[in-house]
PDB file of N, CA and C in Angstrom:
ATOM      1  N   MET A   1       3.788  -1.244  -0.976  1.00  0.00           N
ATOM      2  CA  MET A   1       2.750  -0.355  -0.141  1.00  0.00           C
ATOM      3  C   MET A   1       1.396  -1.135  -0.202  1.00  0.00           C
ATOM      4  N   ALA A   2       1.599  -1.018  -1.558  1.00  0.00           N
ATOM      5  CA  ALA A   2       0.339  -0.619  -2.464  1.00  0.00           C
ATOM      6  C   ALA A   2      -0.642  -2.049  -2.596  1.00  0.00           C
ATOM      7  N   SER A   3       0.116  -2.620  -3.040  1.00  0.00           N
ATOM      8  CA  SER A   3      -0.393  -4.438  -2.730  1.00  0.00           C
ATOM      9  C   SER A   3      -0.298  -5.147  -1.846  1.00  0.00           C
ATOM     10  N   LEU A   4       0.423  -4.529  -0.698  1.00  0.00           N
ATOM     11  CA  LEU A   4      -0.361  -5.526   1.023  1.00  0.00           C
ATOM     12  C   LEU A   4      -1.647  -4.522   1.663  1.00  0.00           C
ATOM     13  N   SER A   5      -1.754  -3.279   1.603  1.00  0.00           N
ATOM     14  CA  SER A   5      -3.038  -2.743   1.263  1.00  0.00           C
ATOM     15  C   SER A   5      -3.875  -3.308   0.470  1.00  0.00           C
ATOM     16  N   ARG A   6      -4.091  -3.683  -0.336  1.00  0.00           N
ATOM     17  CA  ARG A   6      -5.433  -4.303  -1.155  1.00  0.00           C
ATOM     18  C   ARG A   6      -5.504  -5.869  -0.732  1.00  0.00           C
ATOM     19  N   LEU A   7      -4.377  -6.117   0.495  1.00  0.00           N
ATOM     20  CA  LEU A   7      -4.426  -7.469   0.619  1.00  0.00           C
ATOM     21  C   LEU A   7      -4.754  -7.712   2.283  1.00  0.00           C
ATOM     22  N   GLU A   8      -5.063  -5.869   3.156  1.00  0.00           N
ATOM     23  CA  GLU A   8      -6.065  -6.016   3.954  1.00  0.00           C
ATOM     24  C   GLU A   8      -6.773  -6.514   4.585  1.00  0.00           C
ATOM     25  N   TYR A   9      -7.779  -6.734   3.918  1.00  0.00           N
ATOM     26  CA  TYR A   9      -8.876  -7.866   4.614  1.00  0.00           C
ATOM     27  C   TYR A   9      -8.535  -8.710   4.591  1.00  0.00           C
ATOM     28  N   ARG A  10      -7.690  -9.580   4.559  1.00  0.00           N
ATOM     29  CA  ARG A  10      -6.917 -10.766   5.186  1.00  0.00           C
ATOM     30  C   ARG A  10      -7.354 -10.843   6.257  1.00  0.00           C
ATOM     31  N   GLY A  11      -6.419  -9.491   6.857  1.00  0.00           N
ATOM     32  CA  GLY A  11      -5.991  -9.202   8.063  1.00  0.00           C
ATOM     33  C   GLY A  11      -5.554  -8.471   8.184  1.00  0.00           C
ATOM     34  N   TYR A  12      -6.148  -7.447   9.408  1.00  0.00           N
ATOM     35  CA  TYR A  12      -5.723  -5.997   9.592  1.00  0.00           C
ATOM     36  C   TYR A  12      -5.395  -5.916  11.967  1.00  0.00           C
ATOM     37  N   ASP A  13      -5.410  -6.736  12.004  1.00  0.00           N
ATOM     38  CA  ASP A  13      -4.412  -7.108  13.479  1.00  0.00           C
ATOM     39  C   ASP A  13      -2.786  -6.763  13.435  1.00  0.00           C
ATOM     40  N   SER A  14      -2.232  -6.385  13.104  1.00  0.00           N
ATOM     41  CA  SER A  14      -0.918  -6.417  12.138  1.00  0.00           C
ATOM     42  C   SER A  14      -0.581  -6.552  10.852  1.00  0.00           C
ATOM     43  N   ALA A  15       0.777  -6.342  10.330  1.00  0.00           N
ATOM     44  CA  ALA A  15       1.397  -5.930   9.007  1.00  0.00           C
ATOM     45  C   ALA A  15       2.887  -6.284   9.575  1.00  0.00           C
ATOM     46  N   GLY A  16       3.288  -6.787   8.767  1.00  0.00           N
ATOM     47  CA  GLY A  16       5.114  -6.473   7.769  1.00  0.00           C
ATOM     48  C   GLY A  16       5.483  -7.039   7.064  1.00  0.00           C
ATOM     49  N   LEU A  17       6.375  -6.294   6.501  1.00  0.00           N
ATOM     50  CA  LEU A  17       7.842  -6.804   5.494  1.00  0.00           C
ATOM     51  C   LEU A  17       8.859  -6.573   5.979  1.00  0.00           C
ATOM     52  N   ALA A  18       9.856  -7.554   5.288  1.00  0.00           N
ATOM     53  CA  ALA A  18      11.355  -7.897   5.636  1.00  0.00           C
ATOM     54  C   ALA A  18      11.608  -8.032   4.129  1.00  0.00           C
ATOM     55  N   VAL A  19      12.676  -7.411   4.447  1.00  0.00           N
ATOM     56  CA  VAL A  19      13.789  -7.084   2.687  1.00  0.00           C
ATOM     57  C   VAL A  19      14.826  -7.654   3.278  1.00  0.00           C
ATOM     58  N   ASP A  20      15.474  -8.652   2.651  1.00  0.00           N
ATOM     59  CA  ASP A  20      17.272  -9.034   2.642  1.00  0.00           C
ATOM     60  C   ASP A  20      18.125  -7.911   2.095  1.00  0.00           C
ATOM     61  N   GLY A  21      19.537  -7.581   3.716  1.00  0.00           N
ATOM     62  CA  GLY A  21      19.708  -6.721   3.236  1.00  0.00           C
ATOM     63  C   GLY A  21      21.481  -7.299   2.156  1.00  0.00           C
ATOM     64  N   ASP A  22      22.117  -6.528   2.027  1.00  0.00           N
ATOM     65  CA  ASP A  22      23.111  -7.359   1.627  1.00  0.00           C
ATOM     66  C   ASP A  22      24.224  -8.248   2.043  1.00  0.00           C
ATOM     67  N   LYS A  23      24.428  -8.072   3.659  1.00  0.00           N
ATOM     68  CA  LYS A  23      24.855  -8.750   4.044  1.00  0.00           C
ATOM     69  C   LYS A  23      25.013  -9.745   4.364  1.00  0.00           C
ATOM     70  N   ARG A  24      25.408 -10.771   5.410  1.00  0.00           N
ATOM     71  CA  ARG A  24      25.493 -12.456   5.895  1.00  0.00           C
ATOM     72  C   ARG A  24      24.466 -11.768   7.086  1.00  0.00           C
ATOM     73  N   ASN A  25      23.171 -12.345   7.131  1.00  0.00           N
ATOM     74  CA  ASN A  25      21.964 -12.567   8.156  1.00  0.00           C
ATOM     75  C   ASN A  25      21.313 -11.034   7.697  1.00  0.00           C
ATOM     76  N   GLU A  26      21.711  -9.499   7.708  1.00  0.00           N
ATOM     77  CA  GLU A  26      21.038  -8.621   7.652  1.00  0.00           C
ATOM     78  C   GLU A  26      19.737  -8.410   6.743  1.00  0.00           C
ATOM     79  N   VAL A  27      18.562  -8.432   7.374  1.00  0.00           N
ATOM     80  CA  VAL A  27      18.051  -8.894   7.304  1.00  0.00           C
ATOM     81  C   VAL A  27      16.788  -6.998   7.894  1.00  0.00           C
ATOM     82  N   PHE A  28      16.339  -6.671   6.437  1.00  0.00           N
ATOM     83  CA  PHE A  28      15.176  -5.121   7.424  1.00  0.00           C
ATOM     84  C   PHE A  28      14.038  -5.496   7.452  1.00  0.00           C
ATOM     85  N   ALA A  29      13.390  -5.173   8.816  1.00  0.00           N
ATOM     86  CA  ALA A  29      12.179  -6.144   9.013  1.00  0.00           C
ATOM     87  C   ALA A  29      11.496  -4.755   9.519  1.00  0.00           C
ATOM     88  N   PHE A  30      10.199  -4.401   9.608  1.00  0.00           N
ATOM     89  CA  PHE A  30       9.048  -3.762   9.640  1.00  0.00           C
ATOM     90  C   PHE A  30       8.064  -3.983  10.298  1.00  0.00           C
ATOM     91  N   LYS A  31       7.406  -4.306  11.659  1.00  0.00           N
ATOM     92  CA  LYS A  31       6.384  -4.206  12.155  1.00  0.00           C
ATOM     93  C   LYS A  31       5.789  -4.049  13.242  1.00  0.00           C
ATOM     94  N   GLU A  32       4.049  -3.948  12.988  1.00  0.00           N
ATOM     95  CA  GLU A  32       3.394  -2.779  13.581  1.00  0.00           C
ATOM     96  C   GLU A  32       1.965  -3.355  13.663  1.00  0.00           C
ATOM     97  N   VAL A  33       1.279  -3.246  15.087  1.00  0.00           N
ATOM     98  CA  VAL A  33      -0.349  -4.033  14.980  1.00  0.00           C
ATOM     99  C   VAL A  33      -0.829  -2.972  14.831  1.00  0.00           C
ATOM    100  N   GLY A  34      -2.275  -3.842  13.632  1.00  0.00           N
ATOM    101  CA  GLY A  34      -3.428  -2.371  13.338  1.00  0.00           C
ATOM    102  C   GLY A  34      -2.740  -2.527  11.981  1.00  0.00           C
ATOM    103  N   LYS A  35      -3.732  -1.893  11.453  1.00  0.00           N
ATOM    104  CA  LYS A  35      -3.873  -1.497   9.619  1.00  0.00           C
ATOM    105  C   LYS A  35      -2.464  -1.224   9.240  1.00  0.00           C
ATOM    106  N   VAL A  36      -2.281  -1.991   8.029  1.00  0.00           N
ATOM    107  CA  VAL A  36      -0.953  -1.375   6.395  1.00  0.00           C
ATOM    108  C   VAL A  36      -0.827   0.183   6.481  1.00  0.00           C
ATOM    109  N   ALA A  37      -1.546   1.042   7.031  1.00  0.00           N
ATOM    110  CA  ALA A  37      -1.434   2.824   7.351  1.00  0.00           C
ATOM    111  C   ALA A  37      -0.678   2.831   8.459  1.00  0.00           C
ATOM    112  N   LYS A  38      -0.447   2.562   9.481  1.00  0.00           N
ATOM    113  CA  LYS A  38       0.723   2.463  10.356  1.00  0.00           C
ATOM    114  C   LYS A  38       1.861   1.393  10.273  1.00  0.00           C
ATOM    115  N   LEU A  39       1.884   0.238   9.942  1.00  0.00           N
ATOM    116  CA  LEU A  39       3.038   0.039   8.931  1.00  0.00           C
ATOM    117  C   LEU A  39       3.749   1.016   8.046  1.00  0.00           C
ATOM    118  N   LYS A  40       2.771   1.593   7.159  1.00  0.00           N
ATOM    119  CA  LYS A  40       3.566   2.508   6.654  1.00  0.00           C
ATOM    120  C   LYS A  40       4.086   3.766   7.332  1.00  0.00           C
ATOM    121  N   GLN A  41       3.643   4.670   7.930  1.00  0.00           N
ATOM    122  CA  GLN A  41       3.713   5.619   9.017  1.00  0.00           C
ATOM    123  C   GLN A  41       5.243   4.829   9.938  1.00  0.00           C
ATOM    124  N   LEU A  42       4.851   3.623  10.260  1.00  0.00           N
ATOM    125  CA  LEU A  42       6.784   3.161  10.693  1.00  0.00           C
ATOM    126  C   LEU A  42       7.752   3.249   9.753  1.00  0.00           C
ATOM    127  N   ILE A  43       7.581   2.568   8.991  1.00  0.00           N
ATOM    128  CA  ILE A  43       8.425   3.138   7.596  1.00  0.00           C
ATOM    129  C   ILE A  43       8.981   4.110   7.217  1.00  0.00           C
ATOM    130  N   GLU A  44       8.203   5.068   7.346  1.00  0.00           N
ATOM    131  CA  GLU A  44       7.960   6.594   6.703  1.00  0.00           C
ATOM    132  C   GLU A  44       9.099   7.195   7.827  1.00  0.00           C
ATOM    133  N   GLU A  45       9.043   6.995   9.127  1.00  0.00           N
ATOM    134  CA  GLU A  45       9.776   7.635  10.664  1.00  0.00           C
ATOM    135  C   GLU A  45      10.709   7.219  10.665  1.00  0.00           C
ATOM    136  N   SER A  46      10.856   5.918   9.974  1.00  0.00           N
ATOM    137  CA  SER A  46      12.829   5.236  10.073  1.00  0.00           C
ATOM    138  C   SER A  46      13.292   5.823   8.698  1.00  0.00           C
ATOM    139  N   LYS A  47      12.694   6.495   8.042  1.00  0.00           N
ATOM    140  CA  LYS A  47      13.871   7.161   6.788  1.00  0.00           C
ATOM    141  C   LYS A  47      14.494   5.972   5.969  1.00  0.00           C
ATOM    142  N   PRO A  48      14.303   4.842   5.839  1.00  0.00           N
ATOM    143  CA  PRO A  48      15.263   4.614   5.006  1.00  0.00           C
ATOM    144  C   PRO A  48      15.729   4.780   3.627  1.00  0.00           C
ATOM    145  N   ASP A  49      17.345   4.802   3.303  1.00  0.00           N
ATOM    146  CA  ASP A  49      17.583   5.069   1.969  1.00  0.00           C
ATOM    147  C   ASP A  49      16.575   4.274   1.255  1.00  0.00           C
ATOM    148  N   LEU A  50      15.699   4.770   0.415  1.00  0.00           N
ATOM    149  CA  LEU A  50      14.748   4.136  -1.008  1.00  0.00           C
ATOM    150  C   LEU A  50      15.762   4.224  -2.127  1.00  0.00           C
ATOM    151  N   THR A  51      17.240   4.515  -2.468  1.00  0.00           N
ATOM    152  CA  THR A  51      17.333   4.740  -3.049  1.00  0.00           C
ATOM    153  C   THR A  51      17.973   3.756  -3.446  1.00  0.00           C
ATOM    154  N   LYS A  52      18.359   3.105  -2.434  1.00  0.00           N
ATOM    155  CA  LYS A  52      20.105   2.194  -2.112  1.00  0.00           C
ATOM    156  C   LYS A  52      19.167   0.637  -3.445  1.00  0.00           C
ATOM    157  N   VAL A  53      20.342   0.230  -3.687  1.00  0.00           N
ATOM    158  CA  VAL A  53      20.119  -1.109  -4.041  1.00  0.00           C
ATOM    159  C   VAL A  53      20.720  -2.726  -3.533  1.00  0.00           C
ATOM    160  N   PHE A  54      19.523  -3.112  -3.563  1.00  0.00           N
ATOM    161  CA  PHE A  54      20.545  -4.599  -2.596  1.00  0.00           C
ATOM    162  C   PHE A  54      20.588  -5.599  -3.737  1.00  0.00           C
ATOM    163  N   ASP A  55      21.594  -6.259  -3.507  1.00  0.00           N
ATOM    164  CA  ASP A  55      22.510  -7.401  -4.717  1.00  0.00           C
ATOM    165  C   ASP A  55      21.548  -8.470  -4.532  1.00  0.00           C
ATOM    166  N   SER A  56      20.677  -8.637  -3.474  1.00  0.00           N
ATOM    167  CA  SER A  56      19.271  -9.956  -3.129  1.00  0.00           C
ATOM    168  C   SER A  56      18.131  -9.027  -3.158  1.00  0.00           C
ATOM    169  N   HIS A  57      17.323  -9.475  -3.800  1.00  0.00           N
ATOM    170  CA  HIS A  57      15.950  -9.143  -4.880  1.00  0.00           C
ATOM    171  C   HIS A  57      14.514 -10.107  -3.401  1.00  0.00           C
ATOM    172  N   ALA A  58      14.774 -10.760  -2.187  1.00  0.00           N
ATOM    173  CA  ALA A  58      13.633 -10.601  -1.627  1.00  0.00           C
ATOM    174  C   ALA A  58      13.242 -10.406  -0.690  1.00  0.00           C
ATOM    175  N   GLY A  59      12.185 -10.437  -0.700  1.00  0.00           N
ATOM    176  CA  GLY A  59      11.402 -10.061   0.025  1.00  0.00           C
ATOM    177  C   GLY A  59       9.995 -10.905   0.887  1.00  0.00           C
ATOM    178  N   ILE A  60       9.468 -10.053   1.719  1.00  0.00           N
ATOM    179  CA  ILE A  60       7.988 -10.669   1.632  1.00  0.00           C
ATOM    180  C   ILE A  60       7.219  -9.885   3.115  1.00  0.00           C
ATOM    181  N   ALA A  61       6.145  -9.209   2.670  1.00  0.00           N
ATOM    182  CA  ALA A  61       5.062  -8.497   3.582  1.00  0.00           C
ATOM    183  C   ALA A  61       3.763  -9.563   4.279  1.00  0.00           C
ATOM    184  N   HIS A  62       3.350  -9.058   5.282  1.00  0.00           N
ATOM    185  CA  HIS A  62       2.610  -9.753   5.298  1.00  0.00           C
ATOM    186  C   HIS A  62       1.909  -9.215   6.409  1.00  0.00           C
ATOM    187  N   THR A  63      -0.294  -9.432   6.671  1.00  0.00           N
ATOM    188  CA  THR A  63      -0.818  -8.987   7.259  1.00  0.00           C
ATOM    189  C   THR A  63      -1.888 -10.707   7.965  1.00  0.00           C
ATOM    190  N   ARG A  64      -1.771 -10.255   8.433  1.00  0.00           N
ATOM    191  CA  ARG A  64      -2.527 -11.202  10.374  1.00  0.00           C
ATOM    192  C   ARG A  64      -3.759 -10.639  11.078  1.00  0.00           C
ATOM    193  N   TRP A  65      -4.390 -11.586  10.658  1.00  0.00           N
ATOM    194  CA  TRP A  65      -5.849 -11.493  11.661  1.00  0.00           C
ATOM    195  C   TRP A  65      -5.994 -12.636  12.661  1.00  0.00           C
ATOM    196  N   ALA A  66      -5.294 -12.269  13.776  1.00  0.00           N
ATOM    197  CA  ALA A  66      -5.002 -12.926  14.898  1.00  0.00           C
ATOM    198  C   ALA A  66      -6.114 -13.734  15.481  1.00  0.00           C
ATOM    199  N   THR A  67      -5.704 -15.476  15.280  1.00  0.00           N
ATOM    200  CA  THR A  67      -6.460 -16.350  15.337  1.00  0.00           C
ATOM    201  C   THR A  67      -5.999 -17.449  16.659  1.00  0.00           C
ATOM    202  N   HIS A  68      -4.395 -16.513  16.986  1.00  0.00           N
ATOM    203  CA  HIS A  68      -3.373 -17.694  17.992  1.00  0.00           C
ATOM    204  C   HIS A  68      -2.948 -16.568  18.632  1.00  0.00           C
ATOM    205  N   GLY A  69      -3.191 -15.818  19.697  1.00  0.00           N
ATOM    206  CA  GLY A  69      -1.996 -15.466  19.970  1.00  0.00           C
ATOM    207  C   GLY A  69      -3.012 -13.623  19.920  1.00  0.00           C
ATOM    208  N   ILE A  70      -2.588 -12.675  21.025  1.00  0.00           N
ATOM    209  CA  ILE A  70      -3.151 -11.318  20.695  1.00  0.00           C
ATOM    210  C   ILE A  70      -2.048 -10.910  19.958  1.00  0.00           C
ATOM    211  N   PRO A  71      -3.144  -9.440  19.604  1.00  0.00           N
ATOM    212  CA  PRO A  71      -2.282  -8.958  17.879  1.00  0.00           C
ATOM    213  C   PRO A  71      -1.156  -7.405  19.386  1.00  0.00           C
ATOM    214  N   SER A  72       0.034  -8.350  18.811  1.00  0.00           N
ATOM    215  CA  SER A  72       1.262  -7.665  19.748  1.00  0.00           C
ATOM    216  C   SER A  72       2.351  -8.160  18.689  1.00  0.00           C
ATOM    217  N   ARG A  73       3.347  -6.613  18.207  1.00  0.00           N
ATOM    218  CA  ARG A  73       4.449  -6.571  18.300  1.00  0.00           C
ATOM    219  C   ARG A  73       5.240  -8.074  18.115  1.00  0.00           C
ATOM    220  N   ARG A  74       5.556  -8.994  18.916  1.00  0.00           N
ATOM    221  CA  ARG A  74       5.644  -9.985  19.184  1.00  0.00           C
ATOM    222  C   ARG A  74       5.020 -10.809  18.522  1.00  0.00           C
ATOM    223  N   ASN A  75       4.193 -10.769  17.407  1.00  0.00           N
ATOM    224  CA  ASN A  75       2.585 -11.771  17.039  1.00  0.00           C
ATOM    225  C   ASN A  75       3.148 -11.522  15.898  1.00  0.00           C
ATOM    226  N   CYS A  76       2.824 -10.340  15.510  1.00  0.00           N
ATOM    227  CA  CYS A  76       3.433  -9.408  14.104  1.00  0.00           C
ATOM    228  C   CYS A  76       4.267 -10.738  12.850  1.00  0.00           C
ATOM    229  N   HIS A  77       3.646 -10.815  12.318  1.00  0.00           N
ATOM    230  CA  HIS A  77       4.566 -11.060  11.203  1.00  0.00           C
ATOM    231  C   HIS A  77       5.250 -10.477  10.191  1.00  0.00           C
ATOM    232  N   PRO A  78       6.406 -11.036   8.934  1.00  0.00           N
ATOM    233  CA  PRO A  78       6.742 -11.669   9.494  1.00  0.00           C
ATOM    234  C   PRO A  78       8.216 -12.841   9.930  1.00  0.00           C
ATOM    235  N   HIS A  79       8.100 -13.239  10.826  1.00  0.00           N
ATOM    236  CA  HIS A  79       9.233 -13.895  11.944  1.00  0.00           C
ATOM    237  C   HIS A  79      10.330 -14.771  11.471  1.00  0.00           C
ATOM    238  N   ARG A  80      11.550 -14.214  12.256  1.00  0.00           N
ATOM    239  CA  ARG A  80      12.628 -14.487  12.015  1.00  0.00           C
ATOM    240  C   ARG A  80      13.024 -15.676  12.587  1.00  0.00           C
TER     241      ARG A  80
END
């Protein structure tokens, strides 16, 4: 989250992140309209198991500045 916060100047309309799970096609994704702080709050409220170790180490995080489409959860990245 700290690294994503440092990139927030590139887009503050929405933010999201996704991490591969262990099962086939399992993805843990969080998206929120607004600043990275709102995304962090959403993740904290969902109470993920932060001690879980995944076989896969793939993840992506993104901030968005809306140039096409309105700021909304549907338009938040990353898309699947």
